[in-house]
């Protein structure tokens, strides 16, 4: 077991603690319909609750061009069975936000936490 495996467990414990966890933050993955191109059918959503916190985006991300001032930054514990993609969404208290950037912590190896930069009303 590496130090990153241990850090992943610590991040999960901290972010799931009721003192730190903020209301309802969910990861939403939308799968398009599976029919033919001209009539694919309804899409389906897979919604998974996250142990996460949300706040205004850090200035360093705005300065580097990864975000704009109105974006939010969501820090979430790694959840087994989820592989977040930039095409996914984050729901915060029932409001849907588009994932604009995903920053894996650390960038290589065992992931300890995810940082999502999300934007409201983005298509």
N, C-alpha and C. Protein backbone atom coordinates (compact mmCIF):
# COMPACT_ATOMS: atom_id res chain seq x y z
N UNK A 1 0.85 -1.18 0.00
CA UNK A 1 0.00 0.00 0.00
C UNK A 1 0.89 1.24 0.00
N UNK A 2 0.64 2.13 -0.96
CA UNK A 2 1.44 3.35 -1.07
C UNK A 2 0.87 4.45 -0.17
N UNK A 3 1.63 5.50 -0.04
CA UNK A 3 1.17 6.64 0.76
C UNK A 3 -0.07 7.26 0.12
N UNK A 4 -0.19 7.17 -1.21
CA UNK A 4 -1.34 7.75 -1.89
C UNK A 4 -2.61 6.96 -1.62
N UNK A 5 -2.49 5.64 -1.44
CA UNK A 5 -3.66 4.85 -1.04
C UNK A 5 -4.16 5.30 0.33
N UNK A 6 -3.21 5.55 1.24
CA UNK A 6 -3.57 6.02 2.58
C UNK A 6 -4.16 7.43 2.52
N UNK A 7 -3.59 8.29 1.68
CA UNK A 7 -4.10 9.66 1.55
C UNK A 7 -5.50 9.66 0.95
N UNK A 8 -5.78 8.72 0.03
CA UNK A 8 -7.11 8.61 -0.55
C UNK A 8 -8.14 8.29 0.52
N UNK A 9 -7.80 7.38 1.43
CA UNK A 9 -8.70 7.03 2.53
C UNK A 9 -8.92 8.22 3.46
N UNK A 10 -7.86 8.97 3.73
CA UNK A 10 -7.98 10.14 4.60
C UNK A 10 -8.89 11.18 3.94
N UNK A 11 -8.71 11.42 2.65
CA UNK A 11 -9.56 12.39 1.93
C UNK A 11 -11.02 11.93 1.99
N UNK A 12 -11.28 10.64 1.81
CA UNK A 12 -12.65 10.13 1.88
C UNK A 12 -13.25 10.32 3.27
N UNK A 13 -12.45 10.07 4.30
CA UNK A 13 -12.94 10.25 5.67
C UNK A 13 -13.26 11.72 5.95
N UNK A 14 -12.38 12.62 5.55
CA UNK A 14 -12.58 14.03 5.84
C UNK A 14 -13.78 14.59 5.07
N UNK A 15 -13.85 14.30 3.77
CA UNK A 15 -14.92 14.87 2.94
C UNK A 15 -16.28 14.24 3.21
N UNK A 16 -16.32 13.05 3.82
CA UNK A 16 -17.61 12.44 4.16
C UNK A 16 -18.06 12.81 5.57
N UNK A 17 -17.19 13.43 6.35
CA UNK A 17 -17.52 13.85 7.71
C UNK A 17 -18.61 14.93 7.64
N UNK A 18 -19.67 14.80 8.42
CA UNK A 18 -20.78 15.78 8.38
C UNK A 18 -20.33 17.22 8.65
N UNK A 19 -19.22 17.40 9.36
CA UNK A 19 -18.74 18.76 9.62
C UNK A 19 -18.23 19.44 8.36
N UNK A 20 -17.70 18.67 7.41
CA UNK A 20 -17.10 19.24 6.21
C UNK A 20 -17.98 19.10 4.97
N UNK A 21 -18.78 18.05 4.92
CA UNK A 21 -19.59 17.79 3.74
C UNK A 21 -20.66 18.87 3.59
N UNK A 22 -20.85 19.35 2.38
CA UNK A 22 -21.81 20.41 2.12
C UNK A 22 -23.03 19.84 1.41
N UNK A 23 -24.17 20.02 1.95
CA UNK A 23 -25.47 19.63 1.39
C UNK A 23 -25.38 18.52 0.36
N UNK A 24 -25.99 18.71 -0.81
CA UNK A 24 -26.07 17.64 -1.80
C UNK A 24 -25.26 18.01 -3.04
N UNK A 25 -24.19 17.28 -3.27
CA UNK A 25 -23.38 17.46 -4.47
C UNK A 25 -23.32 16.10 -5.15
N UNK A 26 -23.72 16.08 -6.44
CA UNK A 26 -23.83 14.83 -7.18
C UNK A 26 -23.11 14.90 -8.52
N UNK A 27 -22.55 13.77 -8.91
CA UNK A 27 -21.96 13.62 -10.24
C UNK A 27 -23.05 13.06 -11.16
N UNK A 28 -23.21 13.64 -12.35
CA UNK A 28 -24.24 13.22 -13.30
C UNK A 28 -23.57 12.85 -14.62
N UNK A 29 -23.77 11.60 -15.01
CA UNK A 29 -23.27 11.14 -16.30
C UNK A 29 -24.46 10.85 -17.19
N UNK A 30 -24.51 11.49 -18.35
CA UNK A 30 -25.62 11.31 -19.28
C UNK A 30 -25.18 10.39 -20.41
N UNK A 31 -25.95 9.33 -20.62
CA UNK A 31 -25.68 8.39 -21.70
C UNK A 31 -26.74 8.60 -22.77
N UNK A 32 -26.32 8.88 -24.02
CA UNK A 32 -27.31 9.10 -25.07
C UNK A 32 -28.10 7.83 -25.37
N UNK A 33 -29.26 8.00 -26.00
CA UNK A 33 -30.08 6.86 -26.41
C UNK A 33 -29.30 5.94 -27.33
N UNK A 34 -29.74 4.69 -27.42
CA UNK A 34 -28.99 3.68 -28.18
C UNK A 34 -29.66 3.30 -29.49
N UNK A 35 -30.67 4.05 -29.89
CA UNK A 35 -31.36 3.74 -31.14
C UNK A 35 -30.60 4.25 -32.35
N UNK A 36 -31.24 4.17 -33.51
CA UNK A 36 -30.59 4.66 -34.74
C UNK A 36 -30.37 6.17 -34.69
N UNK A 37 -29.51 6.66 -35.55
CA UNK A 37 -29.12 8.06 -35.54
C UNK A 37 -30.32 8.99 -35.68
N UNK A 38 -31.27 8.64 -36.52
CA UNK A 38 -32.41 9.51 -36.74
C UNK A 38 -33.45 9.45 -35.62
N UNK A 39 -33.36 8.44 -34.75
CA UNK A 39 -34.29 8.32 -33.62
C UNK A 39 -33.58 7.57 -32.48
N UNK A 40 -32.63 8.24 -31.79
CA UNK A 40 -31.81 7.53 -30.80
C UNK A 40 -32.55 7.13 -29.53
N UNK A 41 -33.72 7.69 -29.31
CA UNK A 41 -34.44 7.37 -28.08
C UNK A 41 -33.98 8.25 -26.94
N UNK A 42 -34.61 8.08 -25.79
CA UNK A 42 -34.27 8.94 -24.65
C UNK A 42 -32.89 8.63 -24.08
N UNK A 43 -32.24 9.67 -23.60
CA UNK A 43 -30.96 9.48 -22.92
C UNK A 43 -31.24 9.09 -21.47
N UNK A 44 -30.22 8.54 -20.81
CA UNK A 44 -30.38 8.15 -19.41
C UNK A 44 -29.30 8.84 -18.58
N UNK A 45 -29.65 9.07 -17.34
CA UNK A 45 -28.73 9.72 -16.40
C UNK A 45 -28.34 8.76 -15.30
N UNK A 46 -27.05 8.75 -14.97
CA UNK A 46 -26.57 8.02 -13.82
C UNK A 46 -26.11 9.08 -12.82
N UNK A 47 -26.82 9.17 -11.70
CA UNK A 47 -26.53 10.19 -10.68
C UNK A 47 -25.91 9.50 -9.47
N UNK A 48 -24.75 10.02 -9.05
CA UNK A 48 -24.03 9.45 -7.92
C UNK A 48 -23.70 10.55 -6.92
N UNK A 49 -24.08 10.34 -5.67
CA UNK A 49 -23.77 11.32 -4.61
C UNK A 49 -22.26 11.33 -4.37
N UNK A 50 -21.72 12.53 -4.18
CA UNK A 50 -20.30 12.69 -3.90
C UNK A 50 -20.09 13.22 -2.49
N UNK A 51 -18.97 12.86 -1.91
CA UNK A 51 -18.52 13.48 -0.67
C UNK A 51 -17.65 14.64 -1.12
N UNK A 52 -18.20 15.86 -1.04
CA UNK A 52 -17.52 16.98 -1.67
C UNK A 52 -17.84 18.30 -1.00
N UNK A 53 -17.04 19.30 -1.35
CA UNK A 53 -17.28 20.68 -0.94
C UNK A 53 -17.21 21.56 -2.18
N UNK A 54 -17.91 22.69 -2.16
CA UNK A 54 -17.91 23.61 -3.29
C UNK A 54 -17.60 25.02 -2.79
N UNK A 55 -16.90 25.77 -3.60
CA UNK A 55 -16.59 27.16 -3.27
C UNK A 55 -16.30 27.91 -4.56
N UNK A 56 -16.15 29.19 -4.46
CA UNK A 56 -15.76 29.98 -5.62
C UNK A 56 -14.40 29.52 -6.12
N UNK A 57 -14.19 29.63 -7.41
CA UNK A 57 -12.95 29.15 -8.01
C UNK A 57 -11.76 29.98 -7.53
N UNK A 58 -10.63 29.33 -7.34
CA UNK A 58 -9.40 30.01 -6.91
C UNK A 58 -8.88 30.94 -8.00
N UNK A 59 -8.31 32.04 -7.58
CA UNK A 59 -7.78 33.02 -8.52
C UNK A 59 -6.73 32.42 -9.44
N UNK A 60 -5.95 31.46 -8.95
CA UNK A 60 -4.88 30.89 -9.78
C UNK A 60 -5.46 30.21 -11.03
N UNK A 61 -6.67 29.65 -10.94
CA UNK A 61 -7.29 29.02 -12.11
C UNK A 61 -7.81 30.07 -13.08
N UNK A 62 -8.30 31.18 -12.56
CA UNK A 62 -8.75 32.28 -13.41
C UNK A 62 -7.55 32.89 -14.12
N UNK A 63 -6.48 33.13 -13.38
CA UNK A 63 -5.28 33.74 -13.95
C UNK A 63 -4.63 32.85 -15.01
N UNK A 64 -4.74 31.54 -14.86
CA UNK A 64 -4.13 30.63 -15.83
C UNK A 64 -5.05 30.29 -16.99
N UNK A 65 -6.28 30.81 -16.98
CA UNK A 65 -7.20 30.59 -18.07
C UNK A 65 -8.02 29.31 -17.97
N UNK A 66 -7.94 28.60 -16.86
CA UNK A 66 -8.72 27.37 -16.68
C UNK A 66 -10.14 27.64 -16.24
N UNK A 67 -10.42 28.88 -15.80
CA UNK A 67 -11.74 29.20 -15.27
C UNK A 67 -12.03 30.68 -15.47
N UNK A 68 -13.30 31.03 -15.28
CA UNK A 68 -13.69 32.44 -15.25
C UNK A 68 -14.18 32.75 -13.84
N UNK A 69 -14.27 34.02 -13.53
CA UNK A 69 -14.53 34.44 -12.15
C UNK A 69 -15.82 33.88 -11.56
N UNK A 70 -16.84 33.60 -12.35
CA UNK A 70 -18.11 33.10 -11.82
C UNK A 70 -18.17 31.59 -11.64
N UNK A 71 -17.12 30.88 -11.98
CA UNK A 71 -17.11 29.43 -11.86
C UNK A 71 -17.01 29.00 -10.39
N UNK A 72 -17.34 27.74 -10.16
CA UNK A 72 -17.18 27.13 -8.83
C UNK A 72 -16.12 26.05 -8.90
N UNK A 73 -15.53 25.78 -7.77
CA UNK A 73 -14.52 24.75 -7.63
C UNK A 73 -15.07 23.71 -6.66
N UNK A 74 -15.18 22.47 -7.11
CA UNK A 74 -15.70 21.38 -6.30
C UNK A 74 -14.56 20.41 -6.02
N UNK A 75 -14.30 20.14 -4.76
CA UNK A 75 -13.30 19.16 -4.37
C UNK A 75 -14.04 17.95 -3.84
N UNK A 76 -13.77 16.78 -4.45
CA UNK A 76 -14.52 15.57 -4.10
C UNK A 76 -13.57 14.42 -3.83
N UNK A 77 -13.98 13.57 -2.90
CA UNK A 77 -13.25 12.33 -2.65
C UNK A 77 -13.46 11.40 -3.83
N UNK A 78 -12.46 10.61 -4.14
CA UNK A 78 -12.56 9.63 -5.22
C UNK A 78 -13.63 8.61 -4.86
N UNK A 79 -14.50 8.32 -5.81
CA UNK A 79 -15.60 7.37 -5.60
C UNK A 79 -15.40 6.19 -6.54
N UNK A 80 -15.38 4.99 -5.98
CA UNK A 80 -15.19 3.79 -6.79
C UNK A 80 -16.31 3.65 -7.81
N UNK A 81 -15.97 3.24 -9.00
CA UNK A 81 -16.97 3.02 -10.04
C UNK A 81 -17.27 4.23 -10.89
N UNK A 82 -16.67 5.37 -10.58
CA UNK A 82 -16.89 6.58 -11.36
C UNK A 82 -15.58 6.98 -12.03
N UNK A 83 -15.66 7.26 -13.30
CA UNK A 83 -14.55 7.86 -14.03
C UNK A 83 -15.09 9.15 -14.63
N UNK A 84 -14.88 10.27 -13.95
CA UNK A 84 -15.46 11.52 -14.44
C UNK A 84 -14.85 11.94 -15.77
N UNK A 85 -15.71 12.53 -16.60
CA UNK A 85 -15.28 13.05 -17.90
C UNK A 85 -15.74 14.50 -18.01
N UNK A 86 -15.11 15.22 -18.90
CA UNK A 86 -15.45 16.63 -19.06
C UNK A 86 -16.85 16.80 -19.64
N UNK A 87 -17.41 15.75 -20.22
CA UNK A 87 -18.77 15.84 -20.76
C UNK A 87 -19.84 15.62 -19.69
N UNK A 88 -19.43 15.34 -18.46
CA UNK A 88 -20.37 15.09 -17.37
C UNK A 88 -20.79 16.41 -16.70
N UNK A 89 -21.65 16.26 -15.70
CA UNK A 89 -22.18 17.42 -14.97
C UNK A 89 -22.05 17.19 -13.47
N UNK A 90 -22.14 18.29 -12.72
CA UNK A 90 -22.19 18.25 -11.26
C UNK A 90 -23.46 18.99 -10.85
N UNK A 91 -24.28 18.35 -10.02
CA UNK A 91 -25.47 19.00 -9.45
C UNK A 91 -25.12 19.45 -8.04
N UNK A 92 -25.35 20.73 -7.77
CA UNK A 92 -25.12 21.28 -6.43
C UNK A 92 -26.45 21.82 -5.95
N UNK A 93 -27.01 21.19 -4.93
CA UNK A 93 -28.33 21.57 -4.39
C UNK A 93 -29.38 21.66 -5.49
N UNK A 94 -29.36 20.70 -6.41
CA UNK A 94 -30.37 20.64 -7.46
C UNK A 94 -30.12 21.52 -8.67
N UNK A 95 -29.04 22.28 -8.66
CA UNK A 95 -28.71 23.14 -9.79
C UNK A 95 -27.60 22.46 -10.59
N UNK A 96 -27.81 22.33 -11.89
CA UNK A 96 -26.86 21.62 -12.75
C UNK A 96 -25.76 22.55 -13.23
N UNK A 97 -24.51 22.07 -13.09
CA UNK A 97 -23.32 22.77 -13.54
C UNK A 97 -22.56 21.87 -14.50
N UNK A 98 -22.01 22.46 -15.55
CA UNK A 98 -21.21 21.73 -16.53
C UNK A 98 -19.78 21.64 -16.04
N UNK A 99 -19.18 20.46 -16.15
CA UNK A 99 -17.76 20.32 -15.80
C UNK A 99 -16.94 20.95 -16.91
N UNK A 100 -16.16 21.95 -16.56
CA UNK A 100 -15.31 22.64 -17.53
C UNK A 100 -13.88 22.08 -17.50
N UNK A 101 -13.42 21.71 -16.32
CA UNK A 101 -12.07 21.15 -16.14
C UNK A 101 -12.12 20.11 -15.03
N UNK A 102 -11.31 19.07 -15.18
CA UNK A 102 -11.13 18.08 -14.12
C UNK A 102 -9.65 18.04 -13.80
N UNK A 103 -9.33 18.25 -12.54
CA UNK A 103 -7.94 18.18 -12.09
C UNK A 103 -7.82 17.02 -11.13
N UNK A 104 -7.07 16.01 -11.53
CA UNK A 104 -6.86 14.85 -10.67
C UNK A 104 -5.73 15.15 -9.71
N UNK A 105 -5.91 14.75 -8.47
CA UNK A 105 -4.90 14.99 -7.42
C UNK A 105 -4.39 13.67 -6.87
N UNK A 106 -3.16 13.30 -7.03
CA UNK A 106 -2.15 13.88 -7.91
C UNK A 106 -2.47 13.57 -9.37
N UNK A 107 -1.70 14.18 -10.27
CA UNK A 107 -1.98 14.05 -11.70
C UNK A 107 -1.70 12.63 -12.23
N UNK A 108 -0.83 11.89 -11.57
CA UNK A 108 -0.50 10.53 -12.02
C UNK A 108 -0.55 9.58 -10.83
N UNK A 109 -0.78 8.32 -11.11
CA UNK A 109 -0.82 7.32 -10.04
C UNK A 109 -2.18 7.25 -9.37
N UNK A 110 -2.17 6.80 -8.12
CA UNK A 110 -3.41 6.66 -7.36
C UNK A 110 -4.01 8.03 -7.10
N UNK A 111 -5.27 8.21 -7.49
CA UNK A 111 -5.94 9.49 -7.30
C UNK A 111 -6.40 9.63 -5.85
N UNK A 112 -6.09 10.75 -5.24
CA UNK A 112 -6.47 11.03 -3.85
C UNK A 112 -7.80 11.78 -3.82
N UNK A 113 -7.95 12.74 -4.74
CA UNK A 113 -9.17 13.56 -4.80
C UNK A 113 -9.33 14.10 -6.21
N UNK A 114 -10.54 14.58 -6.49
CA UNK A 114 -10.83 15.24 -7.76
C UNK A 114 -11.16 16.69 -7.49
N UNK A 115 -10.70 17.57 -8.35
CA UNK A 115 -11.12 18.96 -8.32
C UNK A 115 -11.81 19.24 -9.64
N UNK A 116 -13.07 19.64 -9.56
CA UNK A 116 -13.84 19.99 -10.74
C UNK A 116 -14.01 21.50 -10.79
N UNK A 117 -13.79 22.09 -11.94
CA UNK A 117 -14.15 23.48 -12.16
C UNK A 117 -15.43 23.43 -12.97
N UNK A 118 -16.50 23.99 -12.39
CA UNK A 118 -17.82 23.86 -13.00
C UNK A 118 -18.41 25.24 -13.28
N UNK A 119 -19.31 25.26 -14.27
CA UNK A 119 -19.90 26.52 -14.69
C UNK A 119 -21.40 26.33 -14.86
N UNK A 120 -22.16 27.24 -14.34
CA UNK A 120 -23.61 27.18 -14.44
C UNK A 120 -24.05 27.67 -15.82
N UNK A 121 -24.99 26.95 -16.40
CA UNK A 121 -25.56 27.37 -17.68
C UNK A 121 -24.69 27.09 -18.89
N UNK A 122 -23.56 26.43 -18.71
CA UNK A 122 -22.71 26.09 -19.86
C UNK A 122 -23.33 24.90 -20.61
N UNK A 123 -23.21 24.91 -21.91
CA UNK A 123 -23.79 23.82 -22.71
C UNK A 123 -22.83 22.69 -22.91
